[in-house]
Amino acid sequence: MTDLFHKGAGRPAPRDESYTARHIEVLEGLEPVRRRPGMYIGGTDERALHHLVAEVIDNAMDEAVAGHANRIDVEFLGDGSITVRDNG
């Protein structure tokens, strides 16, 4: 996996004109997450995966603290994946 924040990632900025509002593309729904996951989880490398798992566990804990769940299961699987479940 590569880190989206390394030098040279993404599209190059326009060279012959100034960056203006017309260069901004508004993405709706989950499209921004699909197209730029690094903006939401800090990259697409192994460190970003750990950050994403921490966020998912944090969300499950928020459910429990708010009284919407009373069980959180975290399972580390043999293939390197992780499953997080809550009953909220």
PDB file of N, CA and C in Angstrom:
ATOM      1  N   MET A   1       0.844  -1.182   0.000  1.00  0.00           N
ATOM      2  CA  MET A   1       0.000   0.000   0.000  1.00  0.00           C
ATOM      3  C   MET A   1       0.885   1.239   0.000  1.00  0.00           C
ATOM      4  N   THR A   2       0.350   2.343  -0.476  1.00  0.00           N
ATOM      5  CA  THR A   2       1.117   3.579  -0.472  1.00  0.00           C
ATOM      6  C   THR A   2       0.430   4.619   0.379  1.00  0.00           C
ATOM      7  N   ASP A   3       1.228   5.531   0.853  1.00  0.00           N
ATOM      8  CA  ASP A   3       0.729   6.636   1.653  1.00  0.00           C
ATOM      9  C   ASP A   3       0.353   7.773   0.706  1.00  0.00           C
ATOM     10  N   LEU A   4      -0.863   8.262   0.808  1.00  0.00           N
ATOM     11  CA  LEU A   4      -1.316   9.330  -0.091  1.00  0.00           C
ATOM     12  C   LEU A   4      -0.626  10.659   0.154  1.00  0.00           C
ATOM     13  N   PHE A   5       0.083  10.781   1.280  1.00  0.00           N
ATOM     14  CA  PHE A   5       0.687  12.058   1.619  1.00  0.00           C
ATOM     15  C   PHE A   5       2.153  12.150   1.207  1.00  0.00           C
ATOM     16  N   HIS A   6       2.696  11.131   0.556  1.00  0.00           N
ATOM     17  CA  HIS A   6       4.089  11.213   0.143  1.00  0.00           C
ATOM     18  C   HIS A   6       4.216  12.168  -1.038  1.00  0.00           C
ATOM     19  N   LYS A   7       5.408  12.667  -1.235  1.00  0.00           N
ATOM     20  CA  LYS A   7       5.652  13.635  -2.302  1.00  0.00           C
ATOM     21  C   LYS A   7       5.282  13.048  -3.659  1.00  0.00           C
ATOM     22  N   GLY A   8       4.570  13.806  -4.441  1.00  0.00           N
ATOM     23  CA  GLY A   8       4.197  13.380  -5.772  1.00  0.00           C
ATOM     24  C   GLY A   8       2.851  12.686  -5.862  1.00  0.00           C
ATOM     25  N   ALA A   9       2.168  12.514  -4.747  1.00  0.00           N
ATOM     26  CA  ALA A   9       0.869  11.833  -4.766  1.00  0.00           C
ATOM     27  C   ALA A   9      -0.210  12.763  -5.302  1.00  0.00           C
ATOM     28  N   GLY A  10      -1.216  12.190  -5.906  1.00  0.00           N
ATOM     29  CA  GLY A  10      -2.360  12.977  -6.364  1.00  0.00           C
ATOM     30  C   GLY A  10      -2.120  13.635  -7.706  1.00  0.00           C
ATOM     31  N   ARG A  11      -3.032  14.501  -8.074  1.00  0.00           N
ATOM     32  CA  ARG A  11      -2.934  15.206  -9.346  1.00  0.00           C
ATOM     33  C   ARG A  11      -2.041  16.426  -9.194  1.00  0.00           C
ATOM     34  N   PRO A  12      -1.272  16.748 -10.215  1.00  0.00           N
ATOM     35  CA  PRO A  12      -0.457  17.962 -10.142  1.00  0.00           C
ATOM     36  C   PRO A  12      -1.333  19.207 -10.224  1.00  0.00           C
ATOM     37  N   ALA A  13      -0.900  20.266  -9.575  1.00  0.00           N
ATOM     38  CA  ALA A  13      -1.625  21.538  -9.619  1.00  0.00           C
ATOM     39  C   ALA A  13      -1.482  22.144 -11.015  1.00  0.00           C
ATOM     40  N   PRO A  14      -2.491  22.907 -11.451  1.00  0.00           N
ATOM     41  CA  PRO A  14      -2.381  23.572 -12.754  1.00  0.00           C
ATOM     42  C   PRO A  14      -1.158  24.482 -12.774  1.00  0.00           C
ATOM     43  N   ARG A  15      -0.426  24.485 -13.883  1.00  0.00           N
ATOM     44  CA  ARG A  15       0.813  25.253 -13.956  1.00  0.00           C
ATOM     45  C   ARG A  15       0.620  26.646 -14.553  1.00  0.00           C
ATOM     46  N   ASP A  16      -0.340  26.791 -15.435  1.00  0.00           N
ATOM     47  CA  ASP A  16      -0.429  28.041 -16.172  1.00  0.00           C
ATOM     48  C   ASP A  16      -1.529  28.983 -15.681  1.00  0.00           C
ATOM     49  N   GLU A  17      -2.174  28.658 -14.563  1.00  0.00           N
ATOM     50  CA  GLU A  17      -3.214  29.542 -14.053  1.00  0.00           C
ATOM     51  C   GLU A  17      -3.283  29.437 -12.532  1.00  0.00           C
ATOM     52  N   SER A  18      -3.922  30.391 -11.922  1.00  0.00           N
ATOM     53  CA  SER A  18      -4.076  30.392 -10.471  1.00  0.00           C
ATOM     54  C   SER A  18      -5.132  29.389 -10.044  1.00  0.00           C
ATOM     55  N   TYR A  19      -4.972  28.899  -8.850  1.00  0.00           N
ATOM     56  CA  TYR A  19      -5.960  27.989  -8.269  1.00  0.00           C
ATOM     57  C   TYR A  19      -7.144  28.823  -7.807  1.00  0.00           C
ATOM     58  N   THR A  20      -8.341  28.537  -8.311  1.00  0.00           N
ATOM     59  CA  THR A  20      -9.532  29.310  -7.970  1.00  0.00           C
ATOM     60  C   THR A  20     -10.656  28.374  -7.548  1.00  0.00           C
ATOM     61  N   ALA A  21     -11.785  28.948  -7.182  1.00  0.00           N
ATOM     62  CA  ALA A  21     -12.940  28.164  -6.743  1.00  0.00           C
ATOM     63  C   ALA A  21     -13.421  27.206  -7.826  1.00  0.00           C
ATOM     64  N   ARG A  22     -13.201  27.527  -9.075  1.00  0.00           N
ATOM     65  CA  ARG A  22     -13.668  26.628 -10.134  1.00  0.00           C
ATOM     66  C   ARG A  22     -12.878  25.318 -10.180  1.00  0.00           C
ATOM     67  N   HIS A  23     -11.741  25.258  -9.507  1.00  0.00           N
ATOM     68  CA  HIS A  23     -10.959  24.025  -9.439  1.00  0.00           C
ATOM     69  C   HIS A  23     -11.471  23.066  -8.361  1.00  0.00           C
ATOM     70  N   ILE A  24     -12.355  23.540  -7.500  1.00  0.00           N
ATOM     71  CA  ILE A  24     -12.861  22.718  -6.397  1.00  0.00           C
ATOM     72  C   ILE A  24     -13.996  21.835  -6.897  1.00  0.00           C
ATOM     73  N   GLU A  25     -13.882  20.559  -6.606  1.00  0.00           N
ATOM     74  CA  GLU A  25     -14.916  19.600  -6.987  1.00  0.00           C
ATOM     75  C   GLU A  25     -15.636  19.155  -5.715  1.00  0.00           C
ATOM     76  N   VAL A  26     -16.943  19.315  -5.674  1.00  0.00           N
ATOM     77  CA  VAL A  26     -17.738  18.913  -4.513  1.00  0.00           C
ATOM     78  C   VAL A  26     -18.166  17.467  -4.705  1.00  0.00           C
ATOM     79  N   LEU A  27     -17.803  16.632  -3.746  1.00  0.00           N
ATOM     80  CA  LEU A  27     -18.170  15.220  -3.792  1.00  0.00           C
ATOM     81  C   LEU A  27     -19.256  14.967  -2.764  1.00  0.00           C
ATOM     82  N   GLU A  28     -20.249  14.179  -3.127  1.00  0.00           N
ATOM     83  CA  GLU A  28     -21.408  13.926  -2.265  1.00  0.00           C
ATOM     84  C   GLU A  28     -21.389  12.511  -1.704  1.00  0.00           C
ATOM     85  N   GLY A  29     -22.069  12.319  -0.580  1.00  0.00           N
ATOM     86  CA  GLY A  29     -22.233  10.994   0.009  1.00  0.00           C
ATOM     87  C   GLY A  29     -20.905  10.352   0.366  1.00  0.00           C
ATOM     88  N   LEU A  30     -20.720   9.102  -0.014  1.00  0.00           N
ATOM     89  CA  LEU A  30     -19.487   8.368   0.276  1.00  0.00           C
ATOM     90  C   LEU A  30     -18.427   8.530  -0.806  1.00  0.00           C
ATOM     91  N   GLU A  31     -18.749   9.250  -1.869  1.00  0.00           N
ATOM     92  CA  GLU A  31     -17.790   9.421  -2.955  1.00  0.00           C
ATOM     93  C   GLU A  31     -16.461  10.026  -2.489  1.00  0.00           C
ATOM     94  N   PRO A  32     -16.456  11.021  -1.585  1.00  0.00           N
ATOM     95  CA  PRO A  32     -15.161  11.550  -1.140  1.00  0.00           C
ATOM     96  C   PRO A  32     -14.309  10.490  -0.435  1.00  0.00           C
ATOM     97  N   VAL A  33     -14.940   9.617   0.326  1.00  0.00           N
ATOM     98  CA  VAL A  33     -14.207   8.568   1.037  1.00  0.00           C
ATOM     99  C   VAL A  33     -13.640   7.567   0.035  1.00  0.00           C
ATOM    100  N   ARG A  34     -14.414   7.235  -0.978  1.00  0.00           N
ATOM    101  CA  ARG A  34     -13.943   6.284  -1.995  1.00  0.00           C
ATOM    102  C   ARG A  34     -12.783   6.852  -2.805  1.00  0.00           C
ATOM    103  N   ARG A  35     -12.866   8.125  -3.141  1.00  0.00           N
ATOM    104  CA  ARG A  35     -11.846   8.718  -4.007  1.00  0.00           C
ATOM    105  C   ARG A  35     -10.623   9.207  -3.255  1.00  0.00           C
ATOM    106  N   ARG A  36     -10.782   9.595  -1.998  1.00  0.00           N
ATOM    107  CA  ARG A  36      -9.666  10.128  -1.217  1.00  0.00           C
ATOM    108  C   ARG A  36      -9.651   9.531   0.193  1.00  0.00           C
ATOM    109  N   PRO A  37      -9.496   8.223   0.324  1.00  0.00           N
ATOM    110  CA  PRO A  37      -9.560   7.614   1.659  1.00  0.00           C
ATOM    111  C   PRO A  37      -8.509   8.159   2.614  1.00  0.00           C
ATOM    112  N   GLY A  38      -7.371   8.559   2.088  1.00  0.00           N
ATOM    113  CA  GLY A  38      -6.309   9.078   2.942  1.00  0.00           C
ATOM    114  C   GLY A  38      -6.701  10.318   3.715  1.00  0.00           C
ATOM    115  N   MET A  39      -7.638  11.093   3.198  1.00  0.00           N
ATOM    116  CA  MET A  39      -8.088  12.289   3.907  1.00  0.00           C
ATOM    117  C   MET A  39      -8.889  11.929   5.145  1.00  0.00           C
ATOM    118  N   TYR A  40      -9.446  10.736   5.180  1.00  0.00           N
ATOM    119  CA  TYR A  40     -10.316  10.335   6.281  1.00  0.00           C
ATOM    120  C   TYR A  40      -9.631   9.403   7.261  1.00  0.00           C
ATOM    121  N   ILE A  41      -8.640   8.646   6.800  1.00  0.00           N
ATOM    122  CA  ILE A  41      -7.968   7.709   7.701  1.00  0.00           C
ATOM    123  C   ILE A  41      -6.465   7.938   7.757  1.00  0.00           C
ATOM    124  N   GLY A  42      -5.978   9.027   7.176  1.00  0.00           N
ATOM    125  CA  GLY A  42      -4.573   9.379   7.301  1.00  0.00           C
ATOM    126  C   GLY A  42      -3.646   8.722   6.300  1.00  0.00           C
ATOM    127  N   GLY A  43      -4.150   8.013   5.327  1.00  0.00           N
ATOM    128  CA  GLY A  43      -3.315   7.362   4.324  1.00  0.00           C
ATOM    129  C   GLY A  43      -3.944   6.061   3.892  1.00  0.00           C
ATOM    130  N   THR A  44      -3.176   5.272   3.166  1.00  0.00           N
ATOM    131  CA  THR A  44      -3.667   3.957   2.751  1.00  0.00           C
ATOM    132  C   THR A  44      -2.633   2.875   3.052  1.00  0.00           C
ATOM    133  N   ASP A  45      -1.710   3.164   3.947  1.00  0.00           N
ATOM    134  CA  ASP A  45      -0.708   2.172   4.317  1.00  0.00           C
ATOM    135  C   ASP A  45      -1.102   1.470   5.617  1.00  0.00           C
ATOM    136  N   GLU A  46      -0.197   0.674   6.180  1.00  0.00           N
ATOM    137  CA  GLU A  46      -0.499  -0.090   7.385  1.00  0.00           C
ATOM    138  C   GLU A  46      -0.827   0.810   8.575  1.00  0.00           C
ATOM    139  N   ARG A  47      -0.141   1.944   8.696  1.00  0.00           N
ATOM    140  CA  ARG A  47      -0.433   2.867   9.806  1.00  0.00           C
ATOM    141  C   ARG A  47      -1.856   3.389   9.712  1.00  0.00           C
ATOM    142  N   ALA A  48      -2.304   3.632   8.503  1.00  0.00           N
ATOM    143  CA  ALA A  48      -3.675   4.111   8.315  1.00  0.00           C
ATOM    144  C   ALA A  48      -4.677   3.042   8.721  1.00  0.00           C
ATOM    145  N   LEU A  49      -4.364   1.781   8.449  1.00  0.00           N
ATOM    146  CA  LEU A  49      -5.244   0.693   8.869  1.00  0.00           C
ATOM    147  C   LEU A  49      -5.374   0.689  10.386  1.00  0.00           C
ATOM    148  N   HIS A  50      -4.265   0.844  11.091  1.00  0.00           N
ATOM    149  CA  HIS A  50      -4.319   0.876  12.554  1.00  0.00           C
ATOM    150  C   HIS A  50      -5.154   2.053  13.045  1.00  0.00           C
ATOM    151  N   HIS A  51      -5.013   3.189  12.383  1.00  0.00           N
ATOM    152  CA  HIS A  51      -5.802   4.365  12.756  1.00  0.00           C
ATOM    153  C   HIS A  51      -7.289   4.103  12.521  1.00  0.00           C
ATOM    154  N   LEU A  52      -7.617   3.480  11.405  1.00  0.00           N
ATOM    155  CA  LEU A  52      -9.012   3.174  11.091  1.00  0.00           C
ATOM    156  C   LEU A  52      -9.603   2.224  12.128  1.00  0.00           C
ATOM    157  N   VAL A  53      -8.859   1.189  12.505  1.00  0.00           N
ATOM    158  CA  VAL A  53      -9.338   0.247  13.522  1.00  0.00           C
ATOM    159  C   VAL A  53      -9.564   0.975  14.839  1.00  0.00           C
ATOM    160  N   ALA A  54      -8.649   1.859  15.219  1.00  0.00           N
ATOM    161  CA  ALA A  54      -8.822   2.631  16.452  1.00  0.00           C
ATOM    162  C   ALA A  54     -10.086   3.477  16.386  1.00  0.00           C
ATOM    163  N   GLU A  55     -10.369   4.073  15.237  1.00  0.00           N
ATOM    164  CA  GLU A  55     -11.584   4.877  15.072  1.00  0.00           C
ATOM    165  C   GLU A  55     -12.840   4.019  15.206  1.00  0.00           C
ATOM    166  N   VAL A  56     -12.822   2.824  14.616  1.00  0.00           N
ATOM    167  CA  VAL A  56     -13.985   1.934  14.695  1.00  0.00           C
ATOM    168  C   VAL A  56     -14.221   1.504  16.142  1.00  0.00           C
ATOM    169  N   ILE A  57     -13.148   1.153  16.853  1.00  0.00           N
ATOM    170  CA  ILE A  57     -13.284   0.775  18.263  1.00  0.00           C
ATOM    171  C   ILE A  57     -13.773   1.962  19.082  1.00  0.00           C
ATOM    172  N   ASP A  58     -13.253   3.152  18.796  1.00  0.00           N
ATOM    173  CA  ASP A  58     -13.696   4.362  19.496  1.00  0.00           C
ATOM    174  C   ASP A  58     -15.187   4.601  19.274  1.00  0.00           C
ATOM    175  N   ASN A  59     -15.658   4.404  18.051  1.00  0.00           N
ATOM    176  CA  ASN A  59     -17.091   4.566  17.771  1.00  0.00           C
ATOM    177  C   ASN A  59     -17.922   3.550  18.539  1.00  0.00           C
ATOM    178  N   ALA A  60     -17.439   2.308  18.620  1.00  0.00           N
ATOM    179  CA  ALA A  60     -18.150   1.283  19.383  1.00  0.00           C
ATOM    180  C   ALA A  60     -18.195   1.661  20.864  1.00  0.00           C
ATOM    181  N   MET A  61     -17.102   2.206  21.381  1.00  0.00           N
ATOM    182  CA  MET A  61     -17.074   2.642  22.781  1.00  0.00           C
ATOM    183  C   MET A  61     -18.051   3.789  23.015  1.00  0.00           C
ATOM    184  N   ASP A  62     -18.151   4.711  22.058  1.00  0.00           N
ATOM    185  CA  ASP A  62     -19.125   5.802  22.167  1.00  0.00           C
ATOM    186  C   ASP A  62     -20.544   5.258  22.254  1.00  0.00           C
ATOM    187  N   GLU A  63     -20.849   4.226  21.457  1.00  0.00           N
ATOM    188  CA  GLU A  63     -22.167   3.585  21.520  1.00  0.00           C
ATOM    189  C   GLU A  63     -22.429   3.052  22.930  1.00  0.00           C
ATOM    190  N   ALA A  64     -21.433   2.400  23.506  1.00  0.00           N
ATOM    191  CA  ALA A  64     -21.591   1.822  24.843  1.00  0.00           C
ATOM    192  C   ALA A  64     -21.755   2.904  25.903  1.00  0.00           C
ATOM    193  N   VAL A  65     -20.948   3.938  25.846  1.00  0.00           N
ATOM    194  CA  VAL A  65     -21.030   5.026  26.826  1.00  0.00           C
ATOM    195  C   VAL A  65     -22.383   5.725  26.746  1.00  0.00           C
ATOM    196  N   ALA A  66     -22.931   5.840  25.536  1.00  0.00           N
ATOM    197  CA  ALA A  66     -24.232   6.490  25.348  1.00  0.00           C
ATOM    198  C   ALA A  66     -25.394   5.577  25.736  1.00  0.00           C
ATOM    199  N   GLY A  67     -25.091   4.341  26.140  1.00  0.00           N
ATOM    200  CA  GLY A  67     -26.134   3.427  26.569  1.00  0.00           C
ATOM    201  C   GLY A  67     -26.797   2.648  25.451  1.00  0.00           C
ATOM    202  N   HIS A  68     -26.208   2.694  24.245  1.00  0.00           N
ATOM    203  CA  HIS A  68     -26.797   1.999  23.097  1.00  0.00           C
ATOM    204  C   HIS A  68     -26.200   0.615  22.873  1.00  0.00           C
ATOM    205  N   ALA A  69     -25.187   0.256  23.644  1.00  0.00           N
ATOM    206  CA  ALA A  69     -24.547  -1.057  23.513  1.00  0.00           C
ATOM    207  C   ALA A  69     -23.985  -1.449  24.873  1.00  0.00           C
ATOM    208  N   ASN A  70     -23.855  -2.751  25.084  1.00  0.00           N
ATOM    209  CA  ASN A  70     -23.216  -3.206  26.319  1.00  0.00           C
ATOM    210  C   ASN A  70     -22.200  -4.308  26.032  1.00  0.00           C
ATOM    211  N   ARG A  71     -21.879  -4.476  24.753  1.00  0.00           N
ATOM    212  CA  ARG A  71     -20.892  -5.489  24.382  1.00  0.00           C
ATOM    213  C   ARG A  71     -20.120  -5.012  23.152  1.00  0.00           C
ATOM    214  N   ILE A  72     -18.795  -5.160  23.211  1.00  0.00           N
ATOM    215  CA  ILE A  72     -17.916  -4.864  22.077  1.00  0.00           C
ATOM    216  C   ILE A  72     -16.994  -6.065  21.904  1.00  0.00           C
ATOM    217  N   ASP A  73     -16.991  -6.650  20.728  1.00  0.00           N
ATOM    218  CA  ASP A  73     -16.111  -7.776  20.419  1.00  0.00           C
ATOM    219  C   ASP A  73     -15.088  -7.331  19.386  1.00  0.00           C
ATOM    220  N   VAL A  74     -13.810  -7.555  19.677  1.00  0.00           N
ATOM    221  CA  VAL A  74     -12.729  -7.278  18.730  1.00  0.00           C
ATOM    222  C   VAL A  74     -12.048  -8.608  18.448  1.00  0.00           C
ATOM    223  N   GLU A  75     -12.005  -8.995  17.181  1.00  0.00           N
ATOM    224  CA  GLU A  75     -11.437 -10.286  16.800  1.00  0.00           C
ATOM    225  C   GLU A  75     -10.297 -10.067  15.806  1.00  0.00           C
ATOM    226  N   PHE A  76      -9.123 -10.584  16.152  1.00  0.00           N
ATOM    227  CA  PHE A  76      -7.962 -10.534  15.268  1.00  0.00           C
ATOM    228  C   PHE A  76      -7.902 -11.870  14.526  1.00  0.00           C
ATOM    229  N   LEU A  77      -8.019 -11.829  13.217  1.00  0.00           N
ATOM    230  CA  LEU A  77      -8.109 -13.043  12.416  1.00  0.00           C
ATOM    231  C   LEU A  77      -6.744 -13.435  11.845  1.00  0.00           C
ATOM    232  N   GLY A  78      -6.608 -14.697  11.511  1.00  0.00           N
ATOM    233  CA  GLY A  78      -5.346 -15.239  11.024  1.00  0.00           C
ATOM    234  C   GLY A  78      -4.839 -14.621   9.739  1.00  0.00           C
ATOM    235  N   ASP A  79      -5.728 -14.062   8.935  1.00  0.00           N
ATOM    236  CA  ASP A  79      -5.301 -13.455   7.667  1.00  0.00           C
ATOM    237  C   ASP A  79      -4.861 -11.999   7.824  1.00  0.00           C
ATOM    238  N   GLY A  80      -4.797 -11.524   9.085  1.00  0.00           N
ATOM    239  CA  GLY A  80      -4.372 -10.146   9.338  1.00  0.00           C
ATOM    240  C   GLY A  80      -5.507  -9.151   9.409  1.00  0.00           C
ATOM    241  N   SER A  81      -6.720  -9.594   9.190  1.00  0.00           N
ATOM    242  CA  SER A  81      -7.862  -8.681   9.273  1.00  0.00           C
ATOM    243  C   SER A  81      -8.384  -8.618  10.706  1.00  0.00           C
ATOM    244  N   ILE A  82      -9.199  -7.632  10.953  1.00  0.00           N
ATOM    245  CA  ILE A  82      -9.761  -7.400  12.282  1.00  0.00           C
ATOM    246  C   ILE A  82     -11.261  -7.202  12.124  1.00  0.00           C
ATOM    247  N   THR A  83     -12.030  -7.809  13.017  1.00  0.00           N
ATOM    248  CA  THR A  83     -13.473  -7.625  13.040  1.00  0.00           C
ATOM    249  C   THR A  83     -13.846  -6.953  14.348  1.00  0.00           C
ATOM    250  N   VAL A  84     -14.631  -5.889  14.263  1.00  0.00           N
ATOM    251  CA  VAL A  84     -15.130  -5.192  15.453  1.00  0.00           C
ATOM    252  C   VAL A  84     -16.649  -5.242  15.392  1.00  0.00           C
ATOM    253  N   ARG A  85     -17.263  -5.719  16.470  1.00  0.00           N
ATOM    254  CA  ARG A  85     -18.730  -5.789  16.546  1.00  0.00           C
ATOM    255  C   ARG A  85     -19.180  -5.175  17.863  1.00  0.00           C
ATOM    256  N   ASP A  86     -20.284  -4.460  17.810  1.00  0.00           N
ATOM    257  CA  ASP A  86     -20.959  -4.063  19.047  1.00  0.00           C
ATOM    258  C   ASP A  86     -22.445  -4.355  18.864  1.00  0.00           C
ATOM    259  N   ASN A  87     -23.176  -4.357  19.954  1.00  0.00           N
ATOM    260  CA  ASN A  87     -24.609  -4.649  19.854  1.00  0.00           C
ATOM    261  C   ASN A  87     -25.444  -3.382  19.937  1.00  0.00           C
ATOM    262  N   GLY A  88     -24.859  -2.260  19.556  1.00  0.00           N
ATOM    263  CA  GLY A  88     -25.562  -0.980  19.587  1.00  0.00           C
ATOM    264  C   GLY A  88     -26.215  -0.633  18.294  1.00  0.00           C
TER     265      GLY A  88
END
